[in-house]
N, C-alpha and C. Protein backbone atom coordinates (compact mmCIF):
# COMPACT_ATOMS: atom_id res chain seq x y z
N MET A 1 8.46 -136.52 -50.74
CA MET A 1 7.21 -137.11 -51.18
C MET A 1 7.03 -136.82 -52.67
N THR A 2 6.71 -137.84 -53.46
CA THR A 2 6.46 -137.68 -54.88
C THR A 2 4.96 -137.63 -55.12
N ILE A 3 4.52 -136.61 -55.86
CA ILE A 3 3.11 -136.45 -56.15
C ILE A 3 2.90 -136.54 -57.66
N THR A 4 2.06 -137.45 -58.10
CA THR A 4 1.74 -137.57 -59.51
C THR A 4 0.34 -137.01 -59.73
N LEU A 5 0.24 -136.01 -60.58
CA LEU A 5 -1.02 -135.33 -60.82
C LEU A 5 -1.30 -135.32 -62.32
N LYS A 6 -1.94 -136.37 -62.79
CA LYS A 6 -2.15 -136.51 -64.23
C LYS A 6 -3.07 -135.44 -64.80
N ASN A 7 -3.97 -134.90 -63.99
CA ASN A 7 -4.95 -133.96 -64.52
C ASN A 7 -4.50 -132.51 -64.49
N ILE A 8 -3.38 -132.22 -63.86
CA ILE A 8 -2.95 -130.83 -63.72
C ILE A 8 -2.04 -130.44 -64.88
N PRO A 9 -2.45 -129.44 -65.69
CA PRO A 9 -1.70 -129.08 -66.89
C PRO A 9 -0.38 -128.42 -66.56
N LEU A 10 0.56 -128.56 -67.49
CA LEU A 10 1.85 -127.91 -67.36
C LEU A 10 1.77 -126.50 -67.93
N GLY A 11 2.83 -125.75 -67.73
CA GLY A 11 2.89 -124.41 -68.30
C GLY A 11 1.99 -123.40 -67.62
N SER A 12 1.82 -123.53 -66.31
CA SER A 12 0.94 -122.61 -65.61
C SER A 12 1.58 -121.23 -65.56
N PRO A 13 0.73 -120.16 -65.50
CA PRO A 13 1.29 -118.82 -65.41
C PRO A 13 1.94 -118.52 -64.07
N TRP A 14 1.70 -119.38 -63.06
CA TRP A 14 2.36 -119.15 -61.79
C TRP A 14 3.70 -119.85 -61.77
N GLU A 15 4.72 -119.15 -61.29
CA GLU A 15 6.05 -119.72 -61.17
C GLU A 15 6.57 -119.45 -59.77
N PRO A 16 7.40 -120.36 -59.25
CA PRO A 16 7.98 -120.13 -57.92
C PRO A 16 8.65 -118.77 -57.83
N GLY A 17 8.45 -118.13 -56.68
CA GLY A 17 9.02 -116.80 -56.48
C GLY A 17 8.01 -115.69 -56.70
N ARG A 18 6.88 -116.01 -57.35
CA ARG A 18 5.83 -115.01 -57.56
C ARG A 18 4.77 -115.14 -56.48
N ALA A 19 3.99 -114.08 -56.29
CA ALA A 19 2.86 -114.14 -55.36
C ALA A 19 1.87 -115.19 -55.86
N LEU A 20 1.25 -115.90 -54.93
CA LEU A 20 0.29 -116.94 -55.28
C LEU A 20 -1.05 -116.64 -54.63
N TRP A 21 -2.08 -116.47 -55.47
CA TRP A 21 -3.45 -116.32 -55.00
C TRP A 21 -4.20 -117.60 -55.30
N VAL A 22 -5.06 -118.01 -54.39
CA VAL A 22 -5.88 -119.21 -54.56
C VAL A 22 -7.34 -118.82 -54.35
N PHE A 23 -8.22 -119.26 -55.27
CA PHE A 23 -9.65 -118.97 -55.12
C PHE A 23 -10.36 -120.21 -54.62
N GLY A 24 -11.04 -120.07 -53.48
CA GLY A 24 -11.79 -121.18 -52.90
C GLY A 24 -13.28 -120.96 -53.04
N TYR A 25 -14.00 -121.97 -53.53
CA TYR A 25 -15.45 -121.85 -53.72
C TYR A 25 -16.21 -123.00 -53.07
N GLY A 26 -15.47 -123.92 -52.44
CA GLY A 26 -16.08 -125.04 -51.72
C GLY A 26 -15.58 -125.03 -50.29
N SER A 27 -14.93 -126.11 -49.88
CA SER A 27 -14.47 -126.20 -48.49
C SER A 27 -13.38 -125.18 -48.17
N LEU A 28 -12.66 -124.69 -49.17
CA LEU A 28 -11.65 -123.68 -48.90
C LEU A 28 -12.26 -122.36 -48.41
N MET A 29 -13.55 -122.20 -48.57
CA MET A 29 -14.19 -120.98 -48.07
C MET A 29 -14.22 -120.95 -46.54
N TYR A 30 -14.21 -122.11 -45.92
CA TYR A 30 -14.32 -122.14 -44.46
C TYR A 30 -13.25 -122.99 -43.79
N ARG A 31 -12.42 -123.67 -44.57
CA ARG A 31 -11.38 -124.54 -44.00
C ARG A 31 -10.05 -124.27 -44.70
N VAL A 32 -9.36 -123.28 -44.20
CA VAL A 32 -8.07 -122.89 -44.79
C VAL A 32 -6.97 -123.45 -43.91
N ASP A 33 -6.18 -124.36 -44.46
CA ASP A 33 -5.14 -125.00 -43.65
C ASP A 33 -3.74 -124.68 -44.19
N PHE A 34 -3.59 -123.45 -44.69
CA PHE A 34 -2.28 -123.00 -45.13
C PHE A 34 -2.12 -121.53 -44.74
N PRO A 35 -0.87 -121.06 -44.59
CA PRO A 35 -0.64 -119.69 -44.13
C PRO A 35 -0.95 -118.66 -45.21
N ILE A 36 -1.63 -117.58 -44.82
CA ILE A 36 -1.99 -116.55 -45.77
C ILE A 36 -1.59 -115.17 -45.27
N ASP A 37 -1.39 -114.25 -46.21
CA ASP A 37 -1.13 -112.86 -45.89
C ASP A 37 -2.38 -112.01 -46.03
N GLN A 38 -3.35 -112.48 -46.83
CA GLN A 38 -4.53 -111.67 -47.11
C GLN A 38 -5.65 -112.57 -47.59
N GLN A 39 -6.89 -112.20 -47.31
CA GLN A 39 -8.03 -112.89 -47.89
C GLN A 39 -9.10 -111.89 -48.25
N VAL A 40 -9.77 -112.14 -49.38
CA VAL A 40 -10.78 -111.22 -49.89
C VAL A 40 -11.98 -112.03 -50.36
N PHE A 41 -13.16 -111.71 -49.84
CA PHE A 41 -14.38 -112.33 -50.33
C PHE A 41 -14.74 -111.67 -51.66
N GLY A 42 -15.01 -112.47 -52.68
CA GLY A 42 -15.30 -111.90 -53.98
C GLY A 42 -15.89 -112.93 -54.92
N PHE A 43 -15.80 -112.68 -56.21
CA PHE A 43 -16.42 -113.58 -57.17
C PHE A 43 -15.59 -113.70 -58.44
N ILE A 44 -15.86 -114.77 -59.18
CA ILE A 44 -15.31 -114.94 -60.52
C ILE A 44 -16.48 -114.94 -61.49
N LYS A 45 -16.21 -114.63 -62.74
CA LYS A 45 -17.27 -114.46 -63.73
C LYS A 45 -17.40 -115.68 -64.65
N GLY A 46 -18.62 -115.88 -65.16
CA GLY A 46 -18.86 -116.89 -66.18
C GLY A 46 -18.82 -118.32 -65.68
N ARG A 47 -18.92 -118.52 -64.38
CA ARG A 47 -18.88 -119.86 -63.79
C ARG A 47 -19.99 -120.01 -62.77
N TYR A 48 -20.41 -121.25 -62.56
CA TYR A 48 -21.33 -121.54 -61.47
C TYR A 48 -20.93 -122.84 -60.80
N ARG A 49 -21.33 -122.99 -59.54
CA ARG A 49 -20.94 -124.09 -58.68
C ARG A 49 -21.90 -125.26 -58.89
N ALA A 50 -21.36 -126.48 -58.86
CA ALA A 50 -22.21 -127.68 -58.96
C ALA A 50 -21.57 -128.82 -58.18
N PHE A 51 -22.38 -129.60 -57.49
CA PHE A 51 -21.89 -130.75 -56.72
C PHE A 51 -21.83 -131.97 -57.64
N LEU A 52 -20.86 -131.97 -58.55
CA LEU A 52 -20.75 -133.05 -59.53
C LEU A 52 -19.42 -133.80 -59.45
N GLN A 53 -18.56 -133.41 -58.52
CA GLN A 53 -17.27 -134.08 -58.36
C GLN A 53 -17.37 -135.09 -57.22
N LYS A 54 -17.10 -136.35 -57.52
CA LYS A 54 -17.14 -137.38 -56.48
C LYS A 54 -15.94 -137.23 -55.54
N SER A 55 -16.17 -137.48 -54.27
CA SER A 55 -15.11 -137.40 -53.27
C SER A 55 -14.92 -138.76 -52.63
N HIS A 56 -13.79 -139.39 -52.96
CA HIS A 56 -13.46 -140.71 -52.42
C HIS A 56 -12.57 -140.64 -51.19
N ASP A 57 -12.00 -139.43 -50.94
CA ASP A 57 -10.95 -139.35 -49.92
C ASP A 57 -11.17 -138.26 -48.88
N HIS A 58 -12.22 -137.45 -49.02
CA HIS A 58 -12.49 -136.40 -48.04
C HIS A 58 -13.90 -136.50 -47.47
N ARG A 59 -14.91 -136.42 -48.33
CA ARG A 59 -16.30 -136.42 -47.86
C ARG A 59 -17.03 -137.69 -48.26
N GLY A 60 -16.26 -138.73 -48.51
CA GLY A 60 -16.81 -140.03 -48.84
C GLY A 60 -15.70 -141.06 -48.82
N THR A 61 -15.99 -142.23 -49.29
CA THR A 61 -15.02 -143.32 -49.35
C THR A 61 -15.05 -143.93 -50.75
N PRO A 62 -14.07 -144.76 -51.08
CA PRO A 62 -14.13 -145.44 -52.39
C PRO A 62 -15.41 -146.25 -52.56
N GLN A 63 -15.91 -146.82 -51.46
CA GLN A 63 -17.13 -147.62 -51.53
C GLN A 63 -18.39 -146.76 -51.62
N GLN A 64 -18.37 -145.59 -50.98
CA GLN A 64 -19.51 -144.68 -50.99
C GLN A 64 -19.01 -143.24 -51.15
N PRO A 65 -18.71 -142.87 -52.39
CA PRO A 65 -18.18 -141.53 -52.62
C PRO A 65 -19.19 -140.44 -52.26
N GLY A 66 -18.66 -139.34 -51.73
CA GLY A 66 -19.50 -138.18 -51.51
C GLY A 66 -19.51 -137.30 -52.75
N ARG A 67 -20.02 -136.09 -52.59
CA ARG A 67 -20.03 -135.11 -53.68
C ARG A 67 -19.51 -133.78 -53.16
N VAL A 68 -18.61 -133.19 -53.93
CA VAL A 68 -18.10 -131.87 -53.60
C VAL A 68 -18.21 -130.98 -54.84
N CYS A 69 -17.91 -129.71 -54.65
CA CYS A 69 -18.15 -128.73 -55.71
C CYS A 69 -17.11 -128.78 -56.82
N THR A 70 -17.57 -128.45 -57.99
CA THR A 70 -16.71 -128.07 -59.09
C THR A 70 -17.33 -126.85 -59.73
N LEU A 71 -16.66 -126.32 -60.75
CA LEU A 71 -17.18 -125.15 -61.46
C LEU A 71 -17.54 -125.53 -62.89
N LEU A 72 -18.67 -125.04 -63.35
CA LEU A 72 -19.08 -125.22 -64.73
C LEU A 72 -19.16 -123.86 -65.40
N ALA A 73 -18.84 -123.85 -66.70
CA ALA A 73 -18.92 -122.61 -67.47
C ALA A 73 -20.36 -122.34 -67.85
N ASN A 74 -20.70 -121.07 -67.92
CA ASN A 74 -22.04 -120.68 -68.34
C ASN A 74 -21.90 -119.66 -69.45
N SER A 75 -22.12 -120.10 -70.68
CA SER A 75 -21.95 -119.22 -71.83
C SER A 75 -23.26 -118.54 -72.25
N HIS A 76 -24.37 -118.94 -71.65
CA HIS A 76 -25.67 -118.42 -72.09
C HIS A 76 -26.06 -117.13 -71.39
N ARG A 77 -25.55 -116.90 -70.19
CA ARG A 77 -25.90 -115.68 -69.47
C ARG A 77 -24.74 -115.33 -68.54
N GLU A 78 -24.73 -114.08 -68.14
CA GLU A 78 -23.69 -113.65 -67.19
C GLU A 78 -23.92 -114.33 -65.85
N SER A 79 -22.94 -115.03 -65.37
CA SER A 79 -23.07 -115.69 -64.08
C SER A 79 -21.80 -115.44 -63.28
N VAL A 80 -21.94 -115.54 -61.97
CA VAL A 80 -20.78 -115.37 -61.09
C VAL A 80 -20.80 -116.49 -60.06
N CYS A 81 -19.63 -116.77 -59.52
CA CYS A 81 -19.51 -117.70 -58.41
C CYS A 81 -18.76 -116.98 -57.30
N TRP A 82 -19.41 -116.89 -56.14
CA TRP A 82 -18.80 -116.24 -54.98
C TRP A 82 -17.88 -117.20 -54.25
N GLY A 83 -16.82 -116.64 -53.70
CA GLY A 83 -15.87 -117.44 -52.93
C GLY A 83 -14.88 -116.54 -52.22
N VAL A 84 -13.75 -117.09 -51.86
CA VAL A 84 -12.72 -116.33 -51.15
C VAL A 84 -11.39 -116.49 -51.86
N ALA A 85 -10.74 -115.36 -52.11
CA ALA A 85 -9.39 -115.36 -52.68
C ALA A 85 -8.39 -115.21 -51.55
N TYR A 86 -7.41 -116.09 -51.52
CA TYR A 86 -6.38 -116.06 -50.49
C TYR A 86 -5.02 -115.77 -51.12
N LYS A 87 -4.31 -114.82 -50.56
CA LYS A 87 -2.93 -114.59 -50.97
C LYS A 87 -2.04 -115.39 -50.02
N VAL A 88 -1.35 -116.36 -50.56
CA VAL A 88 -0.51 -117.25 -49.75
C VAL A 88 0.64 -116.46 -49.14
N LYS A 89 0.99 -116.82 -47.92
CA LYS A 89 2.07 -116.13 -47.20
C LYS A 89 3.34 -116.12 -48.03
N ALA A 90 3.96 -114.96 -48.12
CA ALA A 90 5.19 -114.80 -48.89
C ALA A 90 6.26 -115.79 -48.43
N GLY A 91 6.89 -116.43 -49.38
CA GLY A 91 7.92 -117.41 -49.08
C GLY A 91 7.40 -118.83 -48.93
N MET A 92 6.06 -118.99 -48.85
CA MET A 92 5.45 -120.31 -48.66
C MET A 92 4.72 -120.80 -49.91
N GLU A 93 4.82 -120.05 -51.00
CA GLU A 93 4.01 -120.33 -52.17
C GLU A 93 4.20 -121.74 -52.73
N ALA A 94 5.44 -122.14 -52.96
CA ALA A 94 5.70 -123.45 -53.57
C ALA A 94 5.22 -124.58 -52.66
N GLU A 95 5.46 -124.45 -51.36
CA GLU A 95 5.05 -125.48 -50.41
C GLU A 95 3.53 -125.59 -50.34
N VAL A 96 2.85 -124.45 -50.30
CA VAL A 96 1.39 -124.46 -50.23
C VAL A 96 0.80 -125.03 -51.50
N LYS A 97 1.34 -124.66 -52.66
CA LYS A 97 0.80 -125.19 -53.91
C LYS A 97 0.95 -126.71 -53.96
N GLU A 98 2.07 -127.23 -53.48
CA GLU A 98 2.25 -128.68 -53.45
C GLU A 98 1.22 -129.33 -52.52
N LEU A 99 0.97 -128.72 -51.37
CA LEU A 99 -0.03 -129.26 -50.45
C LEU A 99 -1.43 -129.23 -51.06
N LEU A 100 -1.77 -128.13 -51.74
CA LEU A 100 -3.08 -128.03 -52.37
C LEU A 100 -3.22 -129.01 -53.53
N ASP A 101 -2.16 -129.19 -54.30
CA ASP A 101 -2.19 -130.17 -55.38
C ASP A 101 -2.52 -131.56 -54.84
N PHE A 102 -1.94 -131.87 -53.68
CA PHE A 102 -2.20 -133.18 -53.08
C PHE A 102 -3.62 -133.24 -52.53
N ARG A 103 -4.06 -132.17 -51.88
CA ARG A 103 -5.42 -132.13 -51.31
C ARG A 103 -6.47 -132.29 -52.39
N GLU A 104 -6.24 -131.72 -53.58
CA GLU A 104 -7.23 -131.73 -54.65
C GLU A 104 -6.89 -132.76 -55.74
N LYS A 105 -6.20 -133.82 -55.37
CA LYS A 105 -5.70 -134.78 -56.34
C LYS A 105 -6.76 -135.67 -56.97
N ASP A 106 -7.94 -135.76 -56.37
CA ASP A 106 -8.96 -136.70 -56.83
C ASP A 106 -9.75 -136.15 -58.01
N GLY A 107 -9.05 -135.89 -59.13
CA GLY A 107 -9.74 -135.51 -60.36
C GLY A 107 -9.75 -134.03 -60.70
N TYR A 108 -9.07 -133.21 -59.91
CA TYR A 108 -9.11 -131.77 -60.17
C TYR A 108 -7.99 -131.33 -61.10
N THR A 109 -8.27 -130.26 -61.85
CA THR A 109 -7.34 -129.62 -62.76
C THR A 109 -7.16 -128.18 -62.32
N ILE A 110 -5.99 -127.63 -62.54
CA ILE A 110 -5.73 -126.23 -62.21
C ILE A 110 -6.15 -125.33 -63.36
N GLU A 111 -6.88 -124.27 -63.02
CA GLU A 111 -7.18 -123.21 -63.97
C GLU A 111 -6.82 -121.88 -63.30
N PHE A 112 -6.88 -120.81 -64.08
CA PHE A 112 -6.50 -119.50 -63.56
C PHE A 112 -7.61 -118.51 -63.87
N VAL A 113 -7.99 -117.73 -62.87
CA VAL A 113 -9.16 -116.85 -62.99
C VAL A 113 -8.87 -115.47 -62.42
N SER A 114 -9.63 -114.50 -62.90
CA SER A 114 -9.63 -113.17 -62.30
C SER A 114 -10.68 -113.14 -61.19
N VAL A 115 -10.33 -112.55 -60.07
CA VAL A 115 -11.24 -112.46 -58.93
C VAL A 115 -11.57 -110.99 -58.70
N PHE A 116 -12.86 -110.73 -58.40
CA PHE A 116 -13.35 -109.37 -58.22
C PHE A 116 -13.96 -109.20 -56.83
N THR A 117 -13.86 -108.00 -56.29
CA THR A 117 -14.50 -107.69 -55.01
C THR A 117 -15.99 -107.46 -55.23
N LYS A 118 -16.75 -107.31 -54.14
CA LYS A 118 -18.17 -107.00 -54.25
C LYS A 118 -18.41 -105.73 -55.06
N ALA A 119 -17.48 -104.79 -54.96
CA ALA A 119 -17.62 -103.52 -55.67
C ALA A 119 -17.18 -103.62 -57.13
N GLY A 120 -16.64 -104.77 -57.53
CA GLY A 120 -16.23 -104.97 -58.91
C GLY A 120 -14.78 -104.70 -59.20
N ALA A 121 -13.99 -104.34 -58.16
CA ALA A 121 -12.56 -104.11 -58.36
C ALA A 121 -11.83 -105.44 -58.52
N VAL A 122 -10.76 -105.44 -59.28
CA VAL A 122 -9.98 -106.65 -59.50
C VAL A 122 -9.09 -106.92 -58.29
N VAL A 123 -9.24 -108.11 -57.71
CA VAL A 123 -8.38 -108.54 -56.61
C VAL A 123 -7.07 -109.06 -57.18
N CYS A 124 -7.17 -109.97 -58.15
CA CYS A 124 -6.01 -110.53 -58.84
C CYS A 124 -6.49 -111.08 -60.16
N GLU A 125 -5.58 -111.23 -61.11
CA GLU A 125 -5.95 -111.66 -62.45
C GLU A 125 -5.58 -113.11 -62.75
N ASP A 126 -4.84 -113.75 -61.88
CA ASP A 126 -4.40 -115.12 -62.19
C ASP A 126 -4.42 -116.01 -60.94
N ALA A 127 -5.55 -115.99 -60.24
CA ALA A 127 -5.68 -116.85 -59.06
C ALA A 127 -5.80 -118.30 -59.49
N VAL A 128 -5.14 -119.18 -58.76
CA VAL A 128 -5.27 -120.61 -58.99
C VAL A 128 -6.64 -121.07 -58.50
N VAL A 129 -7.33 -121.86 -59.31
CA VAL A 129 -8.59 -122.46 -58.88
C VAL A 129 -8.57 -123.92 -59.33
N TYR A 130 -9.04 -124.80 -58.46
CA TYR A 130 -9.06 -126.23 -58.75
C TYR A 130 -10.45 -126.61 -59.24
N VAL A 131 -10.51 -127.20 -60.43
CA VAL A 131 -11.78 -127.51 -61.08
C VAL A 131 -11.82 -128.98 -61.47
N GLY A 132 -12.91 -129.64 -61.11
CA GLY A 132 -13.12 -131.02 -61.55
C GLY A 132 -13.80 -131.01 -62.91
N VAL A 133 -13.03 -131.19 -63.98
CA VAL A 133 -13.60 -131.13 -65.33
C VAL A 133 -14.34 -132.42 -65.66
N SER A 134 -15.27 -132.35 -66.61
CA SER A 134 -16.16 -133.47 -66.90
C SER A 134 -15.45 -134.69 -67.44
N SER A 135 -14.24 -134.53 -67.94
CA SER A 135 -13.51 -135.66 -68.50
C SER A 135 -12.78 -136.50 -67.44
N ASN A 136 -12.76 -136.01 -66.18
CA ASN A 136 -12.03 -136.77 -65.17
C ASN A 136 -12.91 -137.92 -64.66
N PRO A 137 -12.29 -139.03 -64.25
CA PRO A 137 -13.05 -140.23 -63.89
C PRO A 137 -13.93 -140.08 -62.65
N SER A 138 -13.72 -139.04 -61.86
CA SER A 138 -14.52 -138.85 -60.65
C SER A 138 -15.70 -137.91 -60.87
N PHE A 139 -15.93 -137.48 -62.10
CA PHE A 139 -17.04 -136.59 -62.40
C PHE A 139 -18.33 -137.40 -62.50
N ALA A 140 -19.39 -136.91 -61.85
CA ALA A 140 -20.67 -137.63 -61.83
C ALA A 140 -21.24 -137.76 -63.24
N LYS A 141 -21.73 -138.94 -63.56
CA LYS A 141 -22.34 -139.19 -64.87
C LYS A 141 -23.73 -138.55 -64.93
N ASP A 142 -24.28 -138.49 -66.13
CA ASP A 142 -25.57 -137.83 -66.34
C ASP A 142 -26.66 -138.38 -65.42
N HIS A 143 -26.72 -139.71 -65.28
CA HIS A 143 -27.79 -140.30 -64.47
C HIS A 143 -27.59 -140.07 -62.97
N GLU A 144 -26.41 -139.58 -62.59
CA GLU A 144 -26.11 -139.31 -61.18
C GLU A 144 -26.20 -137.83 -60.84
N SER A 145 -26.47 -136.99 -61.84
CA SER A 145 -26.26 -135.56 -61.66
C SER A 145 -27.52 -134.76 -61.30
N SER A 146 -28.68 -135.40 -61.26
CA SER A 146 -29.89 -134.65 -60.91
C SER A 146 -29.77 -134.14 -59.48
N ILE A 147 -30.53 -133.12 -59.16
CA ILE A 147 -30.45 -132.55 -57.81
C ILE A 147 -30.96 -133.55 -56.78
N ASP A 148 -31.93 -134.37 -57.14
CA ASP A 148 -32.44 -135.38 -56.20
C ASP A 148 -31.39 -136.45 -55.93
N ALA A 149 -30.72 -136.94 -56.98
CA ALA A 149 -29.67 -137.94 -56.80
C ALA A 149 -28.51 -137.36 -56.00
N THR A 150 -28.17 -136.12 -56.28
CA THR A 150 -27.08 -135.46 -55.56
C THR A 150 -27.41 -135.30 -54.08
N ALA A 151 -28.63 -134.92 -53.78
CA ALA A 151 -29.06 -134.76 -52.39
C ALA A 151 -29.00 -136.08 -51.63
N GLN A 152 -29.38 -137.17 -52.27
CA GLN A 152 -29.32 -138.48 -51.63
C GLN A 152 -27.89 -138.83 -51.25
N VAL A 153 -26.94 -138.54 -52.13
CA VAL A 153 -25.53 -138.82 -51.85
C VAL A 153 -25.04 -137.96 -50.69
N ILE A 154 -25.29 -136.65 -50.79
CA ILE A 154 -24.79 -135.71 -49.77
C ILE A 154 -25.37 -136.02 -48.40
N ALA A 155 -26.61 -136.44 -48.35
CA ALA A 155 -27.27 -136.71 -47.07
C ALA A 155 -26.64 -137.89 -46.35
N ARG A 156 -26.03 -138.81 -47.08
CA ARG A 156 -25.60 -140.07 -46.47
C ARG A 156 -24.08 -140.27 -46.41
N ALA A 157 -23.33 -139.65 -47.30
CA ALA A 157 -21.90 -139.92 -47.40
C ALA A 157 -21.12 -139.32 -46.23
N VAL A 158 -20.10 -140.06 -45.80
CA VAL A 158 -19.18 -139.62 -44.74
C VAL A 158 -17.78 -140.07 -45.12
N GLY A 159 -16.80 -139.21 -44.89
CA GLY A 159 -15.41 -139.56 -45.21
C GLY A 159 -14.47 -139.09 -44.13
N PRO A 160 -13.16 -139.18 -44.37
CA PRO A 160 -12.17 -138.79 -43.36
C PRO A 160 -12.27 -137.33 -42.93
N SER A 161 -12.79 -136.44 -43.80
CA SER A 161 -12.91 -135.03 -43.45
C SER A 161 -14.25 -134.69 -42.82
N GLY A 162 -15.12 -135.69 -42.67
CA GLY A 162 -16.42 -135.45 -42.05
C GLY A 162 -17.57 -135.80 -42.98
N SER A 163 -18.78 -135.47 -42.54
CA SER A 163 -19.96 -135.81 -43.33
C SER A 163 -20.06 -134.90 -44.54
N ASN A 164 -20.68 -135.44 -45.59
CA ASN A 164 -20.85 -134.67 -46.81
C ASN A 164 -21.83 -133.51 -46.59
N ARG A 165 -22.85 -133.75 -45.76
CA ARG A 165 -23.82 -132.68 -45.53
C ARG A 165 -23.19 -131.52 -44.76
N GLU A 166 -22.20 -131.80 -43.89
CA GLU A 166 -21.49 -130.72 -43.20
C GLU A 166 -20.81 -129.81 -44.22
N TYR A 167 -20.22 -130.39 -45.24
CA TYR A 167 -19.57 -129.63 -46.32
C TYR A 167 -20.57 -128.65 -46.94
N LEU A 168 -21.75 -129.16 -47.30
CA LEU A 168 -22.78 -128.32 -47.90
C LEU A 168 -23.24 -127.23 -46.94
N PHE A 169 -23.54 -127.59 -45.71
CA PHE A 169 -24.08 -126.62 -44.75
C PHE A 169 -23.05 -125.53 -44.42
N LYS A 170 -21.79 -125.91 -44.27
CA LYS A 170 -20.76 -124.91 -43.95
C LYS A 170 -20.49 -123.98 -45.13
N LEU A 171 -20.60 -124.50 -46.34
CA LEU A 171 -20.45 -123.67 -47.52
C LEU A 171 -21.55 -122.61 -47.56
N ILE A 172 -22.78 -123.03 -47.33
CA ILE A 172 -23.91 -122.10 -47.31
C ILE A 172 -23.75 -121.08 -46.19
N GLU A 173 -23.33 -121.52 -45.02
CA GLU A 173 -23.10 -120.62 -43.89
C GLU A 173 -22.03 -119.58 -44.22
N ALA A 174 -20.96 -120.01 -44.90
CA ALA A 174 -19.88 -119.09 -45.25
C ALA A 174 -20.36 -118.00 -46.20
N LEU A 175 -21.22 -118.35 -47.14
CA LEU A 175 -21.77 -117.36 -48.06
C LEU A 175 -22.62 -116.35 -47.29
N ARG A 176 -23.48 -116.85 -46.44
CA ARG A 176 -24.38 -115.95 -45.68
C ARG A 176 -23.60 -115.05 -44.73
N LYS A 177 -22.55 -115.57 -44.13
CA LYS A 177 -21.73 -114.75 -43.22
C LYS A 177 -21.09 -113.58 -43.96
N ASN A 178 -20.88 -113.76 -45.26
CA ASN A 178 -20.28 -112.70 -46.07
C ASN A 178 -21.32 -111.85 -46.79
N GLY A 179 -22.59 -112.01 -46.39
CA GLY A 179 -23.63 -111.14 -46.92
C GLY A 179 -24.16 -111.52 -48.28
N VAL A 180 -23.94 -112.76 -48.70
CA VAL A 180 -24.43 -113.22 -50.01
C VAL A 180 -25.40 -114.37 -49.80
N GLU A 181 -26.57 -114.26 -50.38
CA GLU A 181 -27.54 -115.34 -50.29
C GLU A 181 -27.13 -116.45 -51.26
N PRO A 182 -27.07 -117.69 -50.79
CA PRO A 182 -26.66 -118.79 -51.67
C PRO A 182 -27.55 -118.87 -52.91
N GLU A 183 -26.96 -119.31 -54.00
CA GLU A 183 -27.71 -119.46 -55.23
C GLU A 183 -28.85 -120.46 -55.04
N ALA A 184 -29.88 -120.37 -55.89
CA ALA A 184 -31.07 -121.21 -55.76
C ALA A 184 -30.73 -122.69 -55.73
N TYR A 185 -29.73 -123.09 -56.50
CA TYR A 185 -29.29 -124.49 -56.54
C TYR A 185 -28.87 -124.97 -55.16
N LEU A 186 -28.06 -124.17 -54.46
CA LEU A 186 -27.60 -124.56 -53.12
C LEU A 186 -28.76 -124.58 -52.13
N GLN A 187 -29.66 -123.63 -52.24
CA GLN A 187 -30.79 -123.60 -51.33
C GLN A 187 -31.69 -124.83 -51.50
N GLU A 188 -31.89 -125.23 -52.76
CA GLU A 188 -32.71 -126.41 -53.01
C GLU A 188 -32.02 -127.66 -52.49
N LEU A 189 -30.70 -127.74 -52.69
CA LEU A 189 -29.95 -128.89 -52.17
C LEU A 189 -30.04 -128.94 -50.65
N GLU A 190 -29.88 -127.80 -50.00
CA GLU A 190 -29.96 -127.75 -48.54
C GLU A 190 -31.32 -128.27 -48.06
N HIS A 191 -32.38 -127.79 -48.69
CA HIS A 191 -33.73 -128.21 -48.31
C HIS A 191 -33.90 -129.72 -48.46
N LYS A 192 -33.45 -130.27 -49.58
CA LYS A 192 -33.62 -131.70 -49.85
C LYS A 192 -32.75 -132.54 -48.92
N VAL A 193 -31.54 -132.12 -48.66
CA VAL A 193 -30.65 -132.87 -47.78
C VAL A 193 -31.18 -132.89 -46.35
N ARG A 194 -31.65 -131.74 -45.88
CA ARG A 194 -32.22 -131.70 -44.52
C ARG A 194 -33.46 -132.58 -44.41
N ALA A 195 -34.25 -132.65 -45.46
CA ALA A 195 -35.45 -133.50 -45.44
C ALA A 195 -35.09 -134.97 -45.36
N ILE A 196 -33.97 -135.34 -45.95
CA ILE A 196 -33.54 -136.75 -45.96
C ILE A 196 -32.82 -137.11 -44.66
N ALA A 197 -31.91 -136.25 -44.23
CA ALA A 197 -30.96 -136.62 -43.18
C ALA A 197 -31.34 -136.16 -41.78
N LEU A 198 -32.16 -135.14 -41.66
CA LEU A 198 -32.39 -134.56 -40.33
C LEU A 198 -33.85 -134.72 -39.89
C-alpha cells in the first residue's frame, strides 16, 4: 500500500529500530487499535485542545464534516493538555507508525513532544503527536470556530467511526476516569452539544 502524506514533515527524530511513543489527546485516549507495551496518563506543556480539525473520514463525511481535536500553542500562560502516552510494542514500531499516518491523514502533521506524569516526571522526550495545523485545508475557518458553531457540528455529524458527539463524550469520560476534570472549554462544549442533540 502506498501512502502519500503531504503534511507530514521529513527528518523526524524517530527512526526505525528505536522505541516509539505516541501521545493521544483525542480518540486515541479511549480507542487504541495498535499493540502497546506500556501506557501512561500524563500531559504535555504549552498546548491546549481545540475542536478545529474537520473530519471527513471518521466522525463526519465529505458532505457533512465532523470536528475532532487538534492542539494549539499557548504562549501567553502556562498550559497543559492531558492525554495518554503509549509505548508501541517492540518490533511493531514501523508498522504502527504507518497505520497511524494513514489514520491521521486528513490534514494532520507530526510533531514531537515531551510527556510528563501527574507527578511531573518525564515519561519520554520525543513522543509522536499528530496535530492539525491551521494551514491545512481541513482546519476550521474563523467563522466556523466559535464554540456555538462547533457544538452545532458535533451534535449532528456522523461518520464511519460513529457520531461526532460520541467522540466528545468519550474523550471527557476518559479524562474523568483518570482523575482529571475536563478543561472549561470541553465542559462548555459538552453542555451545548447535549442541549442540541439529547
